[in-house]
Amino acid sequence: MIRVLIADDHAIVRKGLKQLLLEEYPSAVIGEAGDAETLVAAATNDQWDVVICDMNMPGRSGLDALSQLKHLNPKLPVLIISMYPEDQYALRVLKAGASGYLAKETVHDELSKAIRTVLNGRKYITPDVAERLAESLTAETEKKPHELLSDREFDVFKLLAVGKSVTEIAEQLSLSVTTISTYRSRIMEKMQMHSNAELARYAIENKIA
């Protein structure tokens, strides 16, 4: 019997993932969380074999939740799922400690295999991601501007790109307005941009937001 914790802010997505899991593991114990805070609390209070976490949730992002989960239990396998293509996020989440990355459009076909892989102590990596990972380790390839950002800067960048104000971001991430303003300045400097409109245009062109 395995214990799986699913975190996604959409109940219908959680229901779909639960059904997929029960087809493969009929006796599985499955917990649910609708936001990052509930996820971290559930991971703190109970033991789980695998966590399936959405990249984008209300409050703290999936990357932020991933960091907390790995701090609580470094050996806990965490699979990140997202509506965005793997070429935008897979390397970032793997380097942050995730055990695998699944695009929501392919999760129906890949989830069972991914669960079996991480339960055996290995990372779930598709051939395309493996190739990109190898390139990032062995080749001096030029990074895209958003790849220069830290995980926290990346979270702030995505929120700025969808029109959130500094104050709104500060409230959502439970940080001060001054701290978010500092992150914004760093983002602008690293990406060589000068306005939120430029960030939004870049995010759309690169299918990040």
Protein backbone atom coordinates (compact mmCIF):
# COMPACT_ATOMS: atom_id res chain seq x y z
CA MET A 1 0.00 0.00 0.00
CA ILE A 2 1.38 3.39 -0.97
CA ARG A 3 0.54 6.82 0.40
CA VAL A 4 0.30 9.63 -2.15
CA LEU A 5 -0.34 13.32 -1.46
CA ILE A 6 -1.81 15.31 -4.36
CA ALA A 7 -1.59 19.13 -4.36
CA ASP A 8 -3.50 21.13 -6.96
CA ASP A 9 -5.86 24.07 -6.57
CA HIS A 10 -8.40 22.54 -8.98
CA ALA A 11 -10.60 19.84 -7.41
CA ILE A 12 -11.31 18.29 -10.81
CA VAL A 13 -7.59 17.82 -11.44
CA ARG A 14 -7.12 16.20 -8.03
CA LYS A 15 -10.06 13.90 -8.75
CA GLY A 16 -8.61 12.89 -12.13
CA LEU A 17 -5.18 12.16 -10.67
CA LYS A 18 -6.76 10.18 -7.84
CA GLN A 19 -8.68 8.02 -10.31
CA LEU A 20 -5.52 7.35 -12.32
CA LEU A 21 -3.65 6.32 -9.19
CA LEU A 22 -6.42 4.05 -7.91
CA GLU A 23 -6.49 2.22 -11.25
CA GLU A 24 -2.84 1.31 -10.71
CA TYR A 25 -2.88 1.09 -6.90
CA PRO A 26 -6.42 0.20 -5.72
CA SER A 27 -5.44 0.18 -2.05
CA ALA A 28 -3.50 3.45 -2.13
CA VAL A 29 -4.07 6.04 0.57
CA ILE A 30 -4.45 9.39 -1.19
CA GLY A 31 -4.41 12.77 0.49
CA GLU A 32 -5.34 16.07 -1.11
CA ALA A 33 -4.26 19.70 -0.72
CA GLY A 34 -5.62 22.75 -2.53
CA ASP A 35 -2.74 25.11 -1.87
CA ALA A 36 0.91 25.11 -0.87
CA GLU A 37 0.27 25.87 2.79
CA THR A 38 -2.05 22.86 3.16
CA LEU A 39 0.46 20.73 1.26
CA VAL A 40 3.33 21.60 3.58
CA ALA A 41 1.14 21.08 6.65
CA ALA A 42 0.03 17.65 5.40
CA ALA A 43 3.62 16.67 4.62
CA THR A 44 4.67 17.78 8.10
CA ASN A 45 1.94 15.91 9.96
CA ASP A 46 1.88 12.62 8.02
CA GLN A 47 4.20 10.24 6.19
CA TRP A 48 3.90 9.97 2.41
CA ASP A 49 5.62 7.86 -0.20
CA VAL A 50 5.15 10.32 -3.06
CA VAL A 51 3.94 13.91 -3.46
CA ILE A 52 2.37 15.14 -6.70
CA CYS A 53 2.45 18.93 -6.76
CA ASP A 54 1.12 21.48 -9.26
CA MET A 55 3.61 24.13 -10.35
CA ASN A 56 1.12 26.98 -9.95
CA MET A 57 -1.08 27.26 -6.88
CA PRO A 58 -2.54 30.07 -4.78
CA GLY A 59 -0.08 31.55 -2.32
CA ARG A 60 3.35 29.99 -2.51
CA SER A 61 4.35 28.44 -5.82
CA GLY A 62 5.14 24.81 -6.47
CA LEU A 63 8.85 25.65 -6.52
CA ASP A 64 8.57 27.27 -3.10
CA ALA A 65 6.60 24.30 -1.76
CA LEU A 66 9.17 21.93 -3.27
CA SER A 67 11.94 23.71 -1.40
CA GLN A 68 10.05 23.37 1.90
CA LEU A 69 9.22 19.72 1.29
CA LYS A 70 12.86 18.85 0.54
CA HIS A 71 13.89 20.68 3.70
CA LEU A 72 11.38 18.67 5.75
CA ASN A 73 12.25 15.34 4.14
CA PRO A 74 15.10 15.32 1.58
CA LYS A 75 14.30 11.74 0.54
CA LEU A 76 10.59 12.36 -0.18
CA PRO A 77 9.94 11.97 -3.95
CA VAL A 78 8.12 14.98 -5.38
CA LEU A 79 6.64 14.94 -8.88
CA ILE A 80 5.86 18.39 -10.29
CA ILE A 81 3.02 18.73 -12.78
CA SER A 82 2.29 21.81 -14.86
CA MET A 83 0.24 23.11 -17.77
CA TYR A 84 3.45 24.44 -19.28
CA PRO A 85 5.71 22.42 -21.64
CA GLU A 86 8.61 20.59 -20.02
CA ASP A 87 11.17 22.61 -21.97
CA GLN A 88 10.24 25.67 -19.89
CA TYR A 89 10.39 24.22 -16.39
CA ALA A 90 11.71 20.65 -16.24
CA LEU A 91 15.38 21.47 -15.74
CA ARG A 92 14.61 24.11 -13.13
CA VAL A 93 12.45 21.82 -10.98
CA LEU A 94 14.84 18.87 -11.31
CA LYS A 95 17.75 21.02 -10.19
CA ALA A 96 15.59 22.23 -7.30
CA GLY A 97 15.19 18.65 -6.06
CA ALA A 98 12.08 17.31 -7.80
CA SER A 99 12.01 13.64 -8.75
CA GLY A 100 10.27 14.34 -12.05
CA TYR A 101 8.28 16.78 -14.14
CA LEU A 102 5.03 15.98 -15.98
CA ALA A 103 3.16 18.25 -18.38
CA LYS A 104 -0.58 18.05 -17.66
CA GLU A 105 -1.30 17.23 -21.28
CA THR A 106 0.70 13.99 -20.99
CA VAL A 107 0.13 13.14 -17.32
CA HIS A 108 -2.55 10.54 -18.16
CA ASP A 109 -0.01 8.50 -20.13
CA GLU A 110 3.00 9.07 -17.90
CA LEU A 111 1.80 9.16 -14.30
CA SER A 112 1.90 5.43 -13.54
CA LYS A 113 5.37 5.04 -15.02
CA ALA A 114 6.58 8.12 -13.17
CA ILE A 115 5.25 6.82 -9.83
CA ARG A 116 6.92 3.43 -10.31
CA THR A 117 10.19 5.13 -11.25
CA VAL A 118 10.39 7.42 -8.22
CA LEU A 119 9.27 4.66 -5.83
CA ASN A 120 12.34 2.75 -7.01
CA GLY A 121 14.52 5.66 -5.96
CA ARG A 122 15.16 7.05 -9.45
CA LYS A 123 14.20 10.30 -11.16
CA TYR A 124 11.57 10.30 -13.87
CA ILE A 125 13.12 12.03 -16.88
CA THR A 126 11.80 11.95 -20.43
CA PRO A 127 14.27 11.54 -23.31
CA ASP A 128 13.89 15.22 -24.27
CA VAL A 129 14.63 16.38 -20.73
CA ALA A 130 17.57 13.98 -20.47
CA GLU A 131 19.03 15.54 -23.60
CA ARG A 132 18.54 19.06 -22.28
CA LEU A 133 20.04 18.07 -18.93
CA ALA A 134 23.09 16.62 -20.64
CA GLU A 135 23.50 19.77 -22.72
CA SER A 136 23.28 21.95 -19.63
CA LEU A 137 26.02 19.95 -17.93
CA THR A 138 28.40 19.49 -20.84
CA ALA A 139 27.90 22.39 -23.22
CA GLU A 140 28.51 26.08 -22.85
CA THR A 141 25.13 27.00 -24.29
CA GLU A 142 23.86 30.53 -24.03
CA LYS A 143 21.12 30.78 -21.44
CA LYS A 144 17.84 32.54 -22.09
CA PRO A 145 17.25 35.61 -19.89
CA HIS A 146 14.71 33.88 -17.60
CA GLU A 147 17.15 31.00 -17.01
CA LEU A 148 19.45 33.46 -15.22
CA LEU A 149 16.88 34.01 -12.48
CA SER A 150 16.91 32.28 -9.11
CA ASP A 151 13.85 30.20 -8.21
CA ARG A 152 12.38 33.03 -6.09
CA GLU A 153 13.11 35.62 -8.79
CA PHE A 154 11.44 33.30 -11.29
CA ASP A 155 8.31 33.12 -9.12
CA VAL A 156 8.17 36.92 -8.88
CA PHE A 157 8.83 37.28 -12.61
CA LYS A 158 5.84 35.07 -13.47
CA LEU A 159 3.55 37.07 -11.21
CA LEU A 160 4.74 40.39 -12.61
CA ALA A 161 4.24 39.04 -16.11
CA VAL A 162 0.55 38.30 -15.48
CA GLY A 163 -0.08 41.79 -14.17
CA LYS A 164 0.27 41.42 -10.41
CA SER A 165 1.41 44.53 -8.54
CA VAL A 166 4.36 44.52 -6.16
CA THR A 167 1.93 44.81 -3.24
CA GLU A 168 -0.18 41.88 -4.46
CA ILE A 169 2.91 39.72 -4.95
CA ALA A 170 4.20 40.59 -1.50
CA GLU A 171 0.89 39.50 0.03
CA GLN A 172 0.73 36.29 -2.02
CA LEU A 173 4.29 35.23 -1.19
CA SER A 174 4.15 36.47 2.43
CA LEU A 175 7.08 38.82 1.90
CA SER A 176 7.52 42.56 2.36
CA VAL A 177 6.88 45.08 -0.42
CA THR A 178 10.50 46.18 -0.13
CA THR A 179 11.74 42.62 -0.67
CA ILE A 180 9.55 42.18 -3.76
CA SER A 181 10.72 45.53 -5.12
CA THR A 182 14.30 44.33 -4.71
CA TYR A 183 13.49 41.11 -6.57
CA ARG A 184 11.86 43.13 -9.33
CA SER A 185 14.97 45.27 -9.71
CA ARG A 186 17.17 42.17 -9.93
CA ILE A 187 14.86 40.61 -12.51
CA MET A 188 14.93 43.74 -14.67
CA GLU A 189 18.71 43.90 -14.43
CA LYS A 190 19.31 40.22 -15.20
CA MET A 191 16.84 40.16 -18.08
CA GLN A 192 17.87 43.62 -19.33
CA MET A 193 14.31 44.89 -19.36
CA HIS A 194 12.75 48.08 -18.11
CA SER A 195 9.03 47.54 -17.60
CA ASN A 196 6.43 45.00 -16.57
CA ALA A 197 5.02 45.21 -20.09
CA GLU A 198 8.34 43.92 -21.47
CA LEU A 199 8.28 41.08 -18.96
CA ALA A 200 4.72 40.19 -19.97
CA ARG A 201 5.61 40.22 -23.67
CA TYR A 202 8.65 38.02 -23.04
CA ALA A 203 6.60 35.56 -20.97
CA ILE A 204 3.98 35.23 -23.70
CA GLU A 205 6.55 34.81 -26.46
CA ASN A 206 8.34 32.11 -24.47
CA LYS A 207 5.11 30.41 -23.29
CA ILE A 208 5.96 30.95 -19.63
CA ALA A 209 2.77 32.69 -18.53
